[in-house]
Amino acid sequence: MQIVITAVGPDNRGLADPIVHSVTGLGANIAEIQMYDHDQQSVFSMLTRVEIDSSRCQELQDSMEEVARTTGLSVRTWSPQIKGRKPRLAICVTYRHETPLAVLRAIRDGHIKADATVMIGNREKCRHLAEQFDVPWENIADDGGNPNDERLIHICDEHQVDYIVLARYMRVLPASSCWKYAGGRIINLHHGLLPSFPGIRPYQEAFASRMLTYGATCHFIVPELDAGNQIIYQSTFTVPPGMSCDEIIRRGQEDNEPHCLVEGVRRVVDGEVQLHFNRVVAVD
């Protein structure tokens, strides 16, 4: 069975050793290790992907809890091979309703075989969607829309979320949050084609370049913003010469972006793709 272990905490010596020794001591095969020191923040981050006999998964979890206790690290164990239930999604939103509405409808209609466990917002604009679909709602921001990133992770832990879906959630997750749910557990909808048009104004930048093809990108989140190697799915649409930028944006927001996110989430929860060494791979 495949298990993803993430560990994040204050940087110190010897933090990786107890994790490696614990998993190998249980007979696990290590398939991937990533480690990173955030020097300015003095933060240590580590991802370990292992293959272990399913009968020893509880021992592994107990061992990681002991590592967390002795090192002070925030340690999580998770398996993409979800059995006996549907994957649990946290849908994060800000202002725009089109993409979260599309995901909720796709879940309701059985196109996305998952449960919307919680909706998390840094504004109140999409609260009505949570109420409409009977999904718990959490606002994690202050009056200025500044989110409490630690609370976001706490809510996801509390709801035992498998995947965090950023449905036009217009805030950048800090590196520590990305590492805590690393390994292909954070799915983002970027409203432009990557890697050509990153940033917050991809429609305008493409329009300034006189493009006739526009698009959206569904990708896994890694600590590097809008990095180009984690693309799950891209969808495009073409426009005639002379179409206004406002009309292009409307078409993208109302039609193309919802389709892109729904298909990307479906591919992930159906187990068609996973993230390995920060690259998307097809699953046989």
C-alpha atoms as a PDB file:
ATOM      1  CA  MET A   1       0.000   0.000   0.000  1.00  0.00           C
ATOM      2  CA  GLN A   2       1.229   3.487  -0.838  1.00  0.00           C
ATOM      3  CA  ILE A   3       1.572   5.945   2.051  1.00  0.00           C
ATOM      4  CA  VAL A   4       2.602   9.604   1.845  1.00  0.00           C
ATOM      5  CA  ILE A   5       4.253  11.043   4.966  1.00  0.00           C
ATOM      6  CA  THR A   6       4.758  14.782   5.367  1.00  0.00           C
ATOM      7  CA  ALA A   7       6.664  16.460   8.175  1.00  0.00           C
ATOM      8  CA  VAL A   8       6.958  20.206   8.772  1.00  0.00           C
ATOM      9  CA  GLY A   9       8.432  22.077  11.712  1.00  0.00           C
ATOM     10  CA  PRO A  10      11.248  24.168  13.167  1.00  0.00           C
ATOM     11  CA  ASP A  11      14.560  23.368  11.503  1.00  0.00           C
ATOM     12  CA  ASN A  12      17.025  21.308  13.493  1.00  0.00           C
ATOM     13  CA  ARG A  13      19.542  18.526  13.036  1.00  0.00           C
ATOM     14  CA  GLY A  14      18.554  14.893  12.687  1.00  0.00           C
ATOM     15  CA  LEU A  15      14.877  15.416  11.818  1.00  0.00           C
ATOM     16  CA  ALA A  16      14.845  13.114   8.796  1.00  0.00           C
ATOM     17  CA  ASP A  17      16.578  10.172  10.456  1.00  0.00           C
ATOM     18  CA  PRO A  18      13.765   8.981  12.755  1.00  0.00           C
ATOM     19  CA  ILE A  19      11.277   9.003   9.873  1.00  0.00           C
ATOM     20  CA  VAL A  20      13.559   7.027   7.581  1.00  0.00           C
ATOM     21  CA  HIS A  21      14.546   4.569  10.308  1.00  0.00           C
ATOM     22  CA  SER A  22      10.924   4.033  11.332  1.00  0.00           C
ATOM     23  CA  VAL A  23       9.610   3.227   7.863  1.00  0.00           C
ATOM     24  CA  THR A  24      12.518   0.995   6.908  1.00  0.00           C
ATOM     25  CA  GLY A  25      12.253  -0.778  10.256  1.00  0.00           C
ATOM     26  CA  LEU A  26       8.686  -1.722   9.337  1.00  0.00           C
ATOM     27  CA  GLY A  27       9.837  -3.180   6.035  1.00  0.00           C
ATOM     28  CA  ALA A  28       8.600  -0.321   3.890  1.00  0.00           C
ATOM     29  CA  ASN A  29      10.174   0.481   0.537  1.00  0.00           C
ATOM     30  CA  ILE A  30      10.949   4.191   0.108  1.00  0.00           C
ATOM     31  CA  ALA A  31       9.814   5.346  -3.339  1.00  0.00           C
ATOM     32  CA  GLU A  32      10.375   9.092  -2.951  1.00  0.00           C
ATOM     33  CA  ILE A  33      11.977  11.531  -0.537  1.00  0.00           C
ATOM     34  CA  GLN A  34      11.970  15.315  -0.773  1.00  0.00           C
ATOM     35  CA  MET A  35      13.442  17.619   1.851  1.00  0.00           C
ATOM     36  CA  TYR A  36      13.686  21.385   2.053  1.00  0.00           C
ATOM     37  CA  ASP A  37      14.993  23.928   4.528  1.00  0.00           C
ATOM     38  CA  HIS A  38      13.272  27.331   4.449  1.00  0.00           C
ATOM     39  CA  ASP A  39      16.362  29.167   5.644  1.00  0.00           C
ATOM     40  CA  GLN A  40      14.789  32.566   6.280  1.00  0.00           C
ATOM     41  CA  GLN A  41      11.896  31.043   8.233  1.00  0.00           C
ATOM     42  CA  SER A  42      14.023  28.268   9.793  1.00  0.00           C
ATOM     43  CA  VAL A  43      11.437  25.690   8.701  1.00  0.00           C
ATOM     44  CA  PHE A  44      12.160  22.056   7.847  1.00  0.00           C
ATOM     45  CA  SER A  45       9.892  20.243   5.361  1.00  0.00           C
ATOM     46  CA  MET A  46       9.970  16.619   4.244  1.00  0.00           C
ATOM     47  CA  LEU A  47       7.873  14.323   2.068  1.00  0.00           C
ATOM     48  CA  THR A  48       8.378  10.566   2.084  1.00  0.00           C
ATOM     49  CA  ARG A  49       6.397   8.223  -0.172  1.00  0.00           C
ATOM     50  CA  VAL A  50       6.600   4.565   0.796  1.00  0.00           C
ATOM     51  CA  GLU A  51       5.168   1.211  -0.188  1.00  0.00           C
ATOM     52  CA  ILE A  52       4.257  -0.935   2.816  1.00  0.00           C
ATOM     53  CA  ASP A  53       2.208  -4.027   3.514  1.00  0.00           C
ATOM     54  CA  SER A  54      -1.321  -2.905   4.359  1.00  0.00           C
ATOM     55  CA  SER A  55      -1.249  -4.963   7.548  1.00  0.00           C
ATOM     56  CA  ARG A  56       1.431  -2.656   8.968  1.00  0.00           C
ATOM     57  CA  CYS A  57      -0.237   0.698   8.199  1.00  0.00           C
ATOM     58  CA  GLN A  58      -1.432   1.196  11.765  1.00  0.00           C
ATOM     59  CA  GLU A  59       2.073   0.492  13.066  1.00  0.00           C
ATOM     60  CA  LEU A  60       3.385   3.096  10.641  1.00  0.00           C
ATOM     61  CA  GLN A  61       0.859   5.670  11.812  1.00  0.00           C
ATOM     62  CA  ASP A  62       1.677   4.976  15.454  1.00  0.00           C
ATOM     63  CA  SER A  63       5.380   5.286  14.685  1.00  0.00           C
ATOM     64  CA  MET A  64       4.862   8.668  12.972  1.00  0.00           C
ATOM     65  CA  GLU A  65       2.878   9.929  15.950  1.00  0.00           C
ATOM     66  CA  GLU A  66       5.848   9.050  18.137  1.00  0.00           C
ATOM     67  CA  VAL A  67       8.195  10.871  15.747  1.00  0.00           C
ATOM     68  CA  ALA A  68       5.962  13.943  15.967  1.00  0.00           C
ATOM     69  CA  ARG A  69       6.003  13.778  19.763  1.00  0.00           C
ATOM     70  CA  THR A  70       9.773  13.475  20.070  1.00  0.00           C
ATOM     71  CA  THR A  71      10.796  15.939  17.340  1.00  0.00           C
ATOM     72  CA  GLY A  72       8.073  18.588  17.524  1.00  0.00           C
ATOM     73  CA  LEU A  73       7.328  18.135  13.823  1.00  0.00           C
ATOM     74  CA  SER A  74       3.822  18.343  12.374  1.00  0.00           C
ATOM     75  CA  VAL A  75       3.560  14.873  10.798  1.00  0.00           C
ATOM     76  CA  ARG A  76       0.767  13.537   8.578  1.00  0.00           C
ATOM     77  CA  THR A  77       0.268  10.127   7.004  1.00  0.00           C
ATOM     78  CA  TRP A  78      -2.105   9.651   4.072  1.00  0.00           C
ATOM     79  CA  SER A  79      -2.756   7.169   1.298  1.00  0.00           C
ATOM     80  CA  PRO A  80      -4.052   7.992  -2.192  1.00  0.00           C
ATOM     81  CA  GLN A  81      -5.386   4.416  -2.332  1.00  0.00           C
ATOM     82  CA  ILE A  82      -8.672   5.281  -0.622  1.00  0.00           C
ATOM     83  CA  LYS A  83     -10.867   2.263   0.083  1.00  0.00           C
ATOM     84  CA  GLY A  84     -14.334   1.825   1.551  1.00  0.00           C
ATOM     85  CA  ARG A  85     -15.372   5.457   1.114  1.00  0.00           C
ATOM     86  CA  LYS A  86     -15.269   8.353  -1.321  1.00  0.00           C
ATOM     87  CA  PRO A  87     -12.413  10.871  -1.255  1.00  0.00           C
ATOM     88  CA  ARG A  88     -13.148  13.900   0.932  1.00  0.00           C
ATOM     89  CA  LEU A  89     -12.752  17.358  -0.615  1.00  0.00           C
ATOM     90  CA  ALA A  90     -12.291  20.786   0.941  1.00  0.00           C
ATOM     91  CA  ILE A  91     -13.373  23.429  -1.583  1.00  0.00           C
ATOM     92  CA  CYS A  92     -11.680  26.809  -1.027  1.00  0.00           C
ATOM     93  CA  VAL A  93     -13.234  29.946  -2.495  1.00  0.00           C
ATOM     94  CA  THR A  94     -13.039  33.741  -2.548  1.00  0.00           C
ATOM     95  CA  TYR A  95     -15.347  35.716  -4.841  1.00  0.00           C
ATOM     96  CA  ARG A  96     -16.205  33.777  -7.983  1.00  0.00           C
ATOM     97  CA  HIS A  97     -18.947  31.178  -7.770  1.00  0.00           C
ATOM     98  CA  GLU A  98     -18.742  29.496 -11.190  1.00  0.00           C
ATOM     99  CA  THR A  99     -15.985  26.981 -10.470  1.00  0.00           C
ATOM    100  CA  PRO A 100     -17.103  25.820  -6.996  1.00  0.00           C
ATOM    101  CA  LEU A 101     -20.682  25.557  -8.291  1.00  0.00           C
ATOM    102  CA  ALA A 102     -19.495  23.352 -11.150  1.00  0.00           C
ATOM    103  CA  VAL A 103     -17.595  21.079  -8.737  1.00  0.00           C
ATOM    104  CA  LEU A 104     -20.584  20.793  -6.392  1.00  0.00           C
ATOM    105  CA  ARG A 105     -22.914  19.954  -9.278  1.00  0.00           C
ATOM    106  CA  ALA A 106     -20.471  17.366 -10.620  1.00  0.00           C
ATOM    107  CA  ILE A 107     -20.345  15.734  -7.168  1.00  0.00           C
ATOM    108  CA  ARG A 108     -24.139  15.776  -6.901  1.00  0.00           C
ATOM    109  CA  ASP A 109     -24.505  14.229 -10.362  1.00  0.00           C
ATOM    110  CA  GLY A 110     -21.887  11.526  -9.722  1.00  0.00           C
ATOM    111  CA  HIS A 111     -19.404  12.822 -12.295  1.00  0.00           C
ATOM    112  CA  ILE A 112     -16.888  13.493  -9.524  1.00  0.00           C
ATOM    113  CA  LYS A 113     -17.003  10.510  -7.193  1.00  0.00           C
ATOM    114  CA  ALA A 114     -16.130  12.346  -3.995  1.00  0.00           C
ATOM    115  CA  ASP A 115     -17.734  14.060  -1.020  1.00  0.00           C
ATOM    116  CA  ALA A 116     -17.649  17.817  -0.506  1.00  0.00           C
ATOM    117  CA  THR A 117     -16.741  17.688   3.176  1.00  0.00           C
ATOM    118  CA  VAL A 118     -16.308  21.416   3.824  1.00  0.00           C
ATOM    119  CA  MET A 119     -16.213  24.762   2.001  1.00  0.00           C
ATOM    120  CA  ILE A 120     -13.622  27.264   3.189  1.00  0.00           C
ATOM    121  CA  GLY A 121     -13.673  30.925   2.207  1.00  0.00           C
ATOM    122  CA  ASN A 122     -11.799  34.121   2.885  1.00  0.00           C
ATOM    123  CA  ARG A 123     -14.902  36.082   1.870  1.00  0.00           C
ATOM    124  CA  GLU A 124     -18.628  35.476   2.328  1.00  0.00           C
ATOM    125  CA  LYS A 125     -19.519  35.644  -1.385  1.00  0.00           C
ATOM    126  CA  CYS A 126     -19.830  31.870  -1.863  1.00  0.00           C
ATOM    127  CA  ARG A 127     -21.452  30.988   1.434  1.00  0.00           C
ATOM    128  CA  HIS A 128     -24.823  30.570  -0.312  1.00  0.00           C
ATOM    129  CA  LEU A 129     -23.383  27.682  -2.349  1.00  0.00           C
ATOM    130  CA  ALA A 130     -22.439  25.809   0.808  1.00  0.00           C
ATOM    131  CA  GLU A 131     -25.931  26.344   2.167  1.00  0.00           C
ATOM    132  CA  GLN A 132     -27.535  25.312  -1.144  1.00  0.00           C
ATOM    133  CA  PHE A 133     -25.622  22.022  -1.255  1.00  0.00           C
ATOM    134  CA  ASP A 134     -25.710  21.435   2.518  1.00  0.00           C
ATOM    135  CA  VAL A 135     -21.936  21.605   2.928  1.00  0.00           C
ATOM    136  CA  PRO A 136     -20.378  22.956   6.160  1.00  0.00           C
ATOM    137  CA  TRP A 137     -19.044  26.500   5.679  1.00  0.00           C
ATOM    138  CA  GLU A 138     -15.980  28.049   7.312  1.00  0.00           C
ATOM    139  CA  ASN A 139     -14.782  31.626   6.897  1.00  0.00           C
ATOM    140  CA  ILE A 140     -11.103  31.753   7.877  1.00  0.00           C
ATOM    141  CA  ALA A 141     -10.377  35.439   7.219  1.00  0.00           C
ATOM    142  CA  ASP A 142     -10.478  38.738   9.056  1.00  0.00           C
ATOM    143  CA  ASP A 143     -12.606  41.663   7.870  1.00  0.00           C
ATOM    144  CA  GLY A 144     -10.010  42.492   5.223  1.00  0.00           C
ATOM    145  CA  GLY A 145     -10.096  39.021   3.698  1.00  0.00           C
ATOM    146  CA  ASN A 146      -6.697  38.021   5.090  1.00  0.00           C
ATOM    147  CA  PRO A 147      -6.879  34.277   5.749  1.00  0.00           C
ATOM    148  CA  ASN A 148      -5.702  32.369   8.787  1.00  0.00           C
ATOM    149  CA  ASP A 149      -3.633  29.729   7.008  1.00  0.00           C
ATOM    150  CA  GLU A 150      -3.126  27.642  10.130  1.00  0.00           C
ATOM    151  CA  ARG A 151      -6.888  27.471  10.636  1.00  0.00           C
ATOM    152  CA  LEU A 152      -7.364  26.299   7.042  1.00  0.00           C
ATOM    153  CA  ILE A 153      -5.039  23.364   7.680  1.00  0.00           C
ATOM    154  CA  HIS A 154      -6.686  22.677  11.059  1.00  0.00           C
ATOM    155  CA  ILE A 155     -10.134  22.525   9.421  1.00  0.00           C
ATOM    156  CA  CYS A 156      -8.863  20.149   6.750  1.00  0.00           C
ATOM    157  CA  ASP A 157      -7.289  17.926   9.397  1.00  0.00           C
ATOM    158  CA  GLU A 158     -10.480  18.001  11.450  1.00  0.00           C
ATOM    159  CA  HIS A 159     -12.577  16.910   8.475  1.00  0.00           C
ATOM    160  CA  GLN A 160      -9.963  14.306   7.437  1.00  0.00           C
ATOM    161  CA  VAL A 161      -9.754  15.871   4.002  1.00  0.00           C
ATOM    162  CA  ASP A 162      -8.025  13.979   1.222  1.00  0.00           C
ATOM    163  CA  TYR A 163      -7.787  16.801  -1.321  1.00  0.00           C
ATOM    164  CA  ILE A 164      -7.886  20.588  -1.017  1.00  0.00           C
ATOM    165  CA  VAL A 165      -9.476  22.142  -4.118  1.00  0.00           C
ATOM    166  CA  LEU A 166      -8.638  25.801  -4.722  1.00  0.00           C
ATOM    167  CA  ALA A 167     -11.641  26.884  -6.801  1.00  0.00           C
ATOM    168  CA  ARG A 168     -10.455  30.410  -7.653  1.00  0.00           C
ATOM    169  CA  TYR A 169      -9.275  30.855  -4.077  1.00  0.00           C
ATOM    170  CA  MET A 170      -7.419  34.115  -4.547  1.00  0.00           C
ATOM    171  CA  ARG A 171      -4.791  33.758  -1.863  1.00  0.00           C
ATOM    172  CA  VAL A 172      -1.358  32.143  -2.089  1.00  0.00           C
ATOM    173  CA  LEU A 173      -0.878  29.276   0.346  1.00  0.00           C
ATOM    174  CA  PRO A 174       2.350  29.586   2.353  1.00  0.00           C
ATOM    175  CA  ALA A 175       5.059  27.015   1.750  1.00  0.00           C
ATOM    176  CA  SER A 176       4.434  25.328   5.115  1.00  0.00           C
ATOM    177  CA  SER A 177       0.792  24.650   4.178  1.00  0.00           C
ATOM    178  CA  CYS A 178       1.824  23.294   0.784  1.00  0.00           C
ATOM    179  CA  TRP A 179       4.263  20.901   2.457  1.00  0.00           C
ATOM    180  CA  LYS A 180       1.738  19.722   5.040  1.00  0.00           C
ATOM    181  CA  TYR A 181      -0.588  18.585   2.245  1.00  0.00           C
ATOM    182  CA  ALA A 182       2.166  17.776  -0.256  1.00  0.00           C
ATOM    183  CA  GLY A 183       2.256  14.783  -2.551  1.00  0.00           C
ATOM    184  CA  GLY A 184      -0.595  15.741  -4.877  1.00  0.00           C
ATOM    185  CA  ARG A 185      -3.238  16.718  -2.318  1.00  0.00           C
ATOM    186  CA  ILE A 186      -3.783  20.375  -3.288  1.00  0.00           C
ATOM    187  CA  ILE A 187      -5.510  21.026  -6.621  1.00  0.00           C
ATOM    188  CA  ASN A 188      -5.623  24.539  -8.057  1.00  0.00           C
ATOM    189  CA  LEU A 189      -7.501  26.183 -10.927  1.00  0.00           C
ATOM    190  CA  HIS A 190      -5.385  28.837 -12.612  1.00  0.00           C
ATOM    191  CA  HIS A 191      -7.346  31.062 -14.993  1.00  0.00           C
ATOM    192  CA  GLY A 192      -4.698  31.054 -17.714  1.00  0.00           C
ATOM    193  CA  LEU A 193      -2.500  28.706 -19.703  1.00  0.00           C
ATOM    194  CA  LEU A 194       0.648  27.654 -17.879  1.00  0.00           C
ATOM    195  CA  PRO A 195       3.517  28.121 -18.154  1.00  0.00           C
ATOM    196  CA  SER A 196       2.916  30.965 -20.631  1.00  0.00           C
ATOM    197  CA  PHE A 197       0.599  33.135 -18.533  1.00  0.00           C
ATOM    198  CA  PRO A 198       1.132  32.823 -14.756  1.00  0.00           C
ATOM    199  CA  GLY A 199       0.196  35.507 -12.253  1.00  0.00           C
ATOM    200  CA  ILE A 200      -3.083  37.188 -11.389  1.00  0.00           C
ATOM    201  CA  ARG A 201      -3.954  38.765 -14.800  1.00  0.00           C
ATOM    202  CA  PRO A 202      -3.504  36.003 -17.385  1.00  0.00           C
ATOM    203  CA  TYR A 203      -6.465  37.044 -19.548  1.00  0.00           C
ATOM    204  CA  GLN A 204      -5.184  40.611 -19.821  1.00  0.00           C
ATOM    205  CA  GLU A 205      -1.640  39.484 -20.546  1.00  0.00           C
ATOM    206  CA  ALA A 206      -2.796  37.068 -23.248  1.00  0.00           C
ATOM    207  CA  PHE A 207      -5.007  39.799 -24.729  1.00  0.00           C
ATOM    208  CA  ALA A 208      -2.076  42.223 -24.772  1.00  0.00           C
ATOM    209  CA  SER A 209      -0.117  39.572 -26.682  1.00  0.00           C
ATOM    210  CA  ARG A 210      -2.960  39.438 -29.249  1.00  0.00           C
ATOM    211  CA  MET A 211      -3.718  35.809 -28.560  1.00  0.00           C
ATOM    212  CA  LEU A 212      -6.753  34.187 -30.148  1.00  0.00           C
ATOM    213  CA  THR A 213      -6.599  31.084 -27.936  1.00  0.00           C
ATOM    214  CA  TYR A 214      -7.221  31.370 -24.205  1.00  0.00           C
ATOM    215  CA  GLY A 215      -7.415  28.722 -21.529  1.00  0.00           C
ATOM    216  CA  ALA A 216      -7.289  27.528 -17.969  1.00  0.00           C
ATOM    217  CA  THR A 217      -5.011  25.122 -16.144  1.00  0.00           C
ATOM    218  CA  CYS A 218      -5.815  22.653 -13.387  1.00  0.00           C
ATOM    219  CA  HIS A 219      -2.618  21.713 -11.603  1.00  0.00           C
ATOM    220  CA  PHE A 220      -1.233  20.341  -8.377  1.00  0.00           C
ATOM    221  CA  ILE A 221       0.124  22.934  -5.972  1.00  0.00           C
ATOM    222  CA  VAL A 222       3.756  22.832  -4.934  1.00  0.00           C
ATOM    223  CA  PRO A 223       5.493  25.611  -2.976  1.00  0.00           C
ATOM    224  CA  GLU A 224       6.607  27.360  -6.199  1.00  0.00           C
ATOM    225  CA  LEU A 225       3.685  29.528  -7.392  1.00  0.00           C
ATOM    226  CA  ASP A 226       2.084  28.324 -10.654  1.00  0.00           C
ATOM    227  CA  ALA A 227       5.029  26.057 -11.451  1.00  0.00           C
ATOM    228  CA  GLY A 228       4.657  24.476 -14.866  1.00  0.00           C
ATOM    229  CA  ASN A 229       5.340  20.778 -14.370  1.00  0.00           C
ATOM    230  CA  GLN A 230       2.304  19.810 -12.286  1.00  0.00           C
ATOM    231  CA  ILE A 231      -0.414  20.182 -14.923  1.00  0.00           C
ATOM    232  CA  ILE A 232      -3.346  17.792 -14.541  1.00  0.00           C
ATOM    233  CA  TYR A 233      -5.541  19.182 -17.305  1.00  0.00           C
ATOM    234  CA  GLN A 234      -5.800  22.218 -19.579  1.00  0.00           C
ATOM    235  CA  SER A 235      -8.771  23.407 -21.599  1.00  0.00           C
ATOM    236  CA  THR A 236      -8.801  26.132 -24.216  1.00  0.00           C
ATOM    237  CA  PHE A 237     -11.203  28.182 -26.289  1.00  0.00           C
ATOM    238  CA  THR A 238     -10.648  30.313 -29.360  1.00  0.00           C
ATOM    239  CA  VAL A 239     -12.045  33.759 -30.041  1.00  0.00           C
ATOM    240  CA  PRO A 240     -12.463  35.760 -33.258  1.00  0.00           C
ATOM    241  CA  PRO A 241     -10.257  38.791 -33.914  1.00  0.00           C
ATOM    242  CA  GLY A 242     -11.704  41.915 -32.388  1.00  0.00           C
ATOM    243  CA  MET A 243     -13.479  40.323 -29.416  1.00  0.00           C
ATOM    244  CA  SER A 244     -13.203  42.550 -26.363  1.00  0.00           C
ATOM    245  CA  CYS A 245     -11.133  41.520 -23.370  1.00  0.00           C
ATOM    246  CA  ASP A 246     -14.208  41.740 -21.130  1.00  0.00           C
ATOM    247  CA  GLU A 247     -16.115  39.281 -23.323  1.00  0.00           C
ATOM    248  CA  ILE A 248     -13.143  36.906 -23.411  1.00  0.00           C
ATOM    249  CA  ILE A 249     -12.947  36.973 -19.620  1.00  0.00           C
ATOM    250  CA  ARG A 250     -16.690  36.337 -19.335  1.00  0.00           C
ATOM    251  CA  ARG A 251     -16.478  33.297 -21.613  1.00  0.00           C
ATOM    252  CA  GLY A 252     -13.503  31.975 -19.701  1.00  0.00           C
ATOM    253  CA  GLN A 253     -15.027  32.438 -16.271  1.00  0.00           C
ATOM    254  CA  GLU A 254     -18.502  31.135 -17.070  1.00  0.00           C
ATOM    255  CA  ASP A 255     -17.686  28.223 -19.378  1.00  0.00           C
ATOM    256  CA  ASN A 256     -14.049  27.224 -19.669  1.00  0.00           C
ATOM    257  CA  GLU A 257     -12.777  27.516 -16.104  1.00  0.00           C
ATOM    258  CA  PRO A 258     -15.576  25.398 -14.546  1.00  0.00           C
ATOM    259  CA  HIS A 259     -15.053  22.657 -17.143  1.00  0.00           C
ATOM    260  CA  CYS A 260     -11.296  22.665 -16.584  1.00  0.00           C
ATOM    261  CA  LEU A 261     -11.507  22.344 -12.815  1.00  0.00           C
ATOM    262  CA  VAL A 262     -14.183  19.648 -12.871  1.00  0.00           C
ATOM    263  CA  GLU A 263     -12.207  17.488 -15.284  1.00  0.00           C
ATOM    264  CA  GLY A 264      -8.990  17.988 -13.349  1.00  0.00           C
ATOM    265  CA  VAL A 265     -10.573  17.045 -10.026  1.00  0.00           C
ATOM    266  CA  ARG A 266     -12.237  14.029 -11.636  1.00  0.00           C
ATOM    267  CA  ARG A 267      -8.913  12.752 -12.943  1.00  0.00           C
ATOM    268  CA  VAL A 268      -7.354  13.008  -9.505  1.00  0.00           C
ATOM    269  CA  VAL A 269     -10.151  11.424  -7.453  1.00  0.00           C
ATOM    270  CA  ASP A 270     -10.538   8.640 -10.029  1.00  0.00           C
ATOM    271  CA  GLY A 271      -6.854   7.841  -9.552  1.00  0.00           C
ATOM    272  CA  GLU A 272      -5.880   8.487 -13.167  1.00  0.00           C
ATOM    273  CA  VAL A 273      -2.972  10.760 -12.220  1.00  0.00           C
ATOM    274  CA  GLN A 274      -0.685  11.288  -9.247  1.00  0.00           C
ATOM    275  CA  LEU A 275       2.198  13.582  -8.375  1.00  0.00           C
ATOM    276  CA  HIS A 276       5.659  12.023  -8.093  1.00  0.00           C
ATOM    277  CA  PHE A 277       8.830  14.080  -7.637  1.00  0.00           C
ATOM    278  CA  ASN A 278       6.727  17.166  -8.467  1.00  0.00           C
ATOM    279  CA  ARG A 279       5.710  15.773 -11.849  1.00  0.00           C
ATOM    280  CA  VAL A 280       2.293  14.480 -12.862  1.00  0.00           C
ATOM    281  CA  VAL A 281       2.322  10.834 -13.911  1.00  0.00           C
ATOM    282  CA  ALA A 282      -0.424   8.646 -15.308  1.00  0.00           C
ATOM    283  CA  VAL A 283      -1.454   5.735 -13.099  1.00  0.00           C
ATOM    284  CA  ASP A 284      -1.737   2.351 -14.801  1.00  0.00           C
END
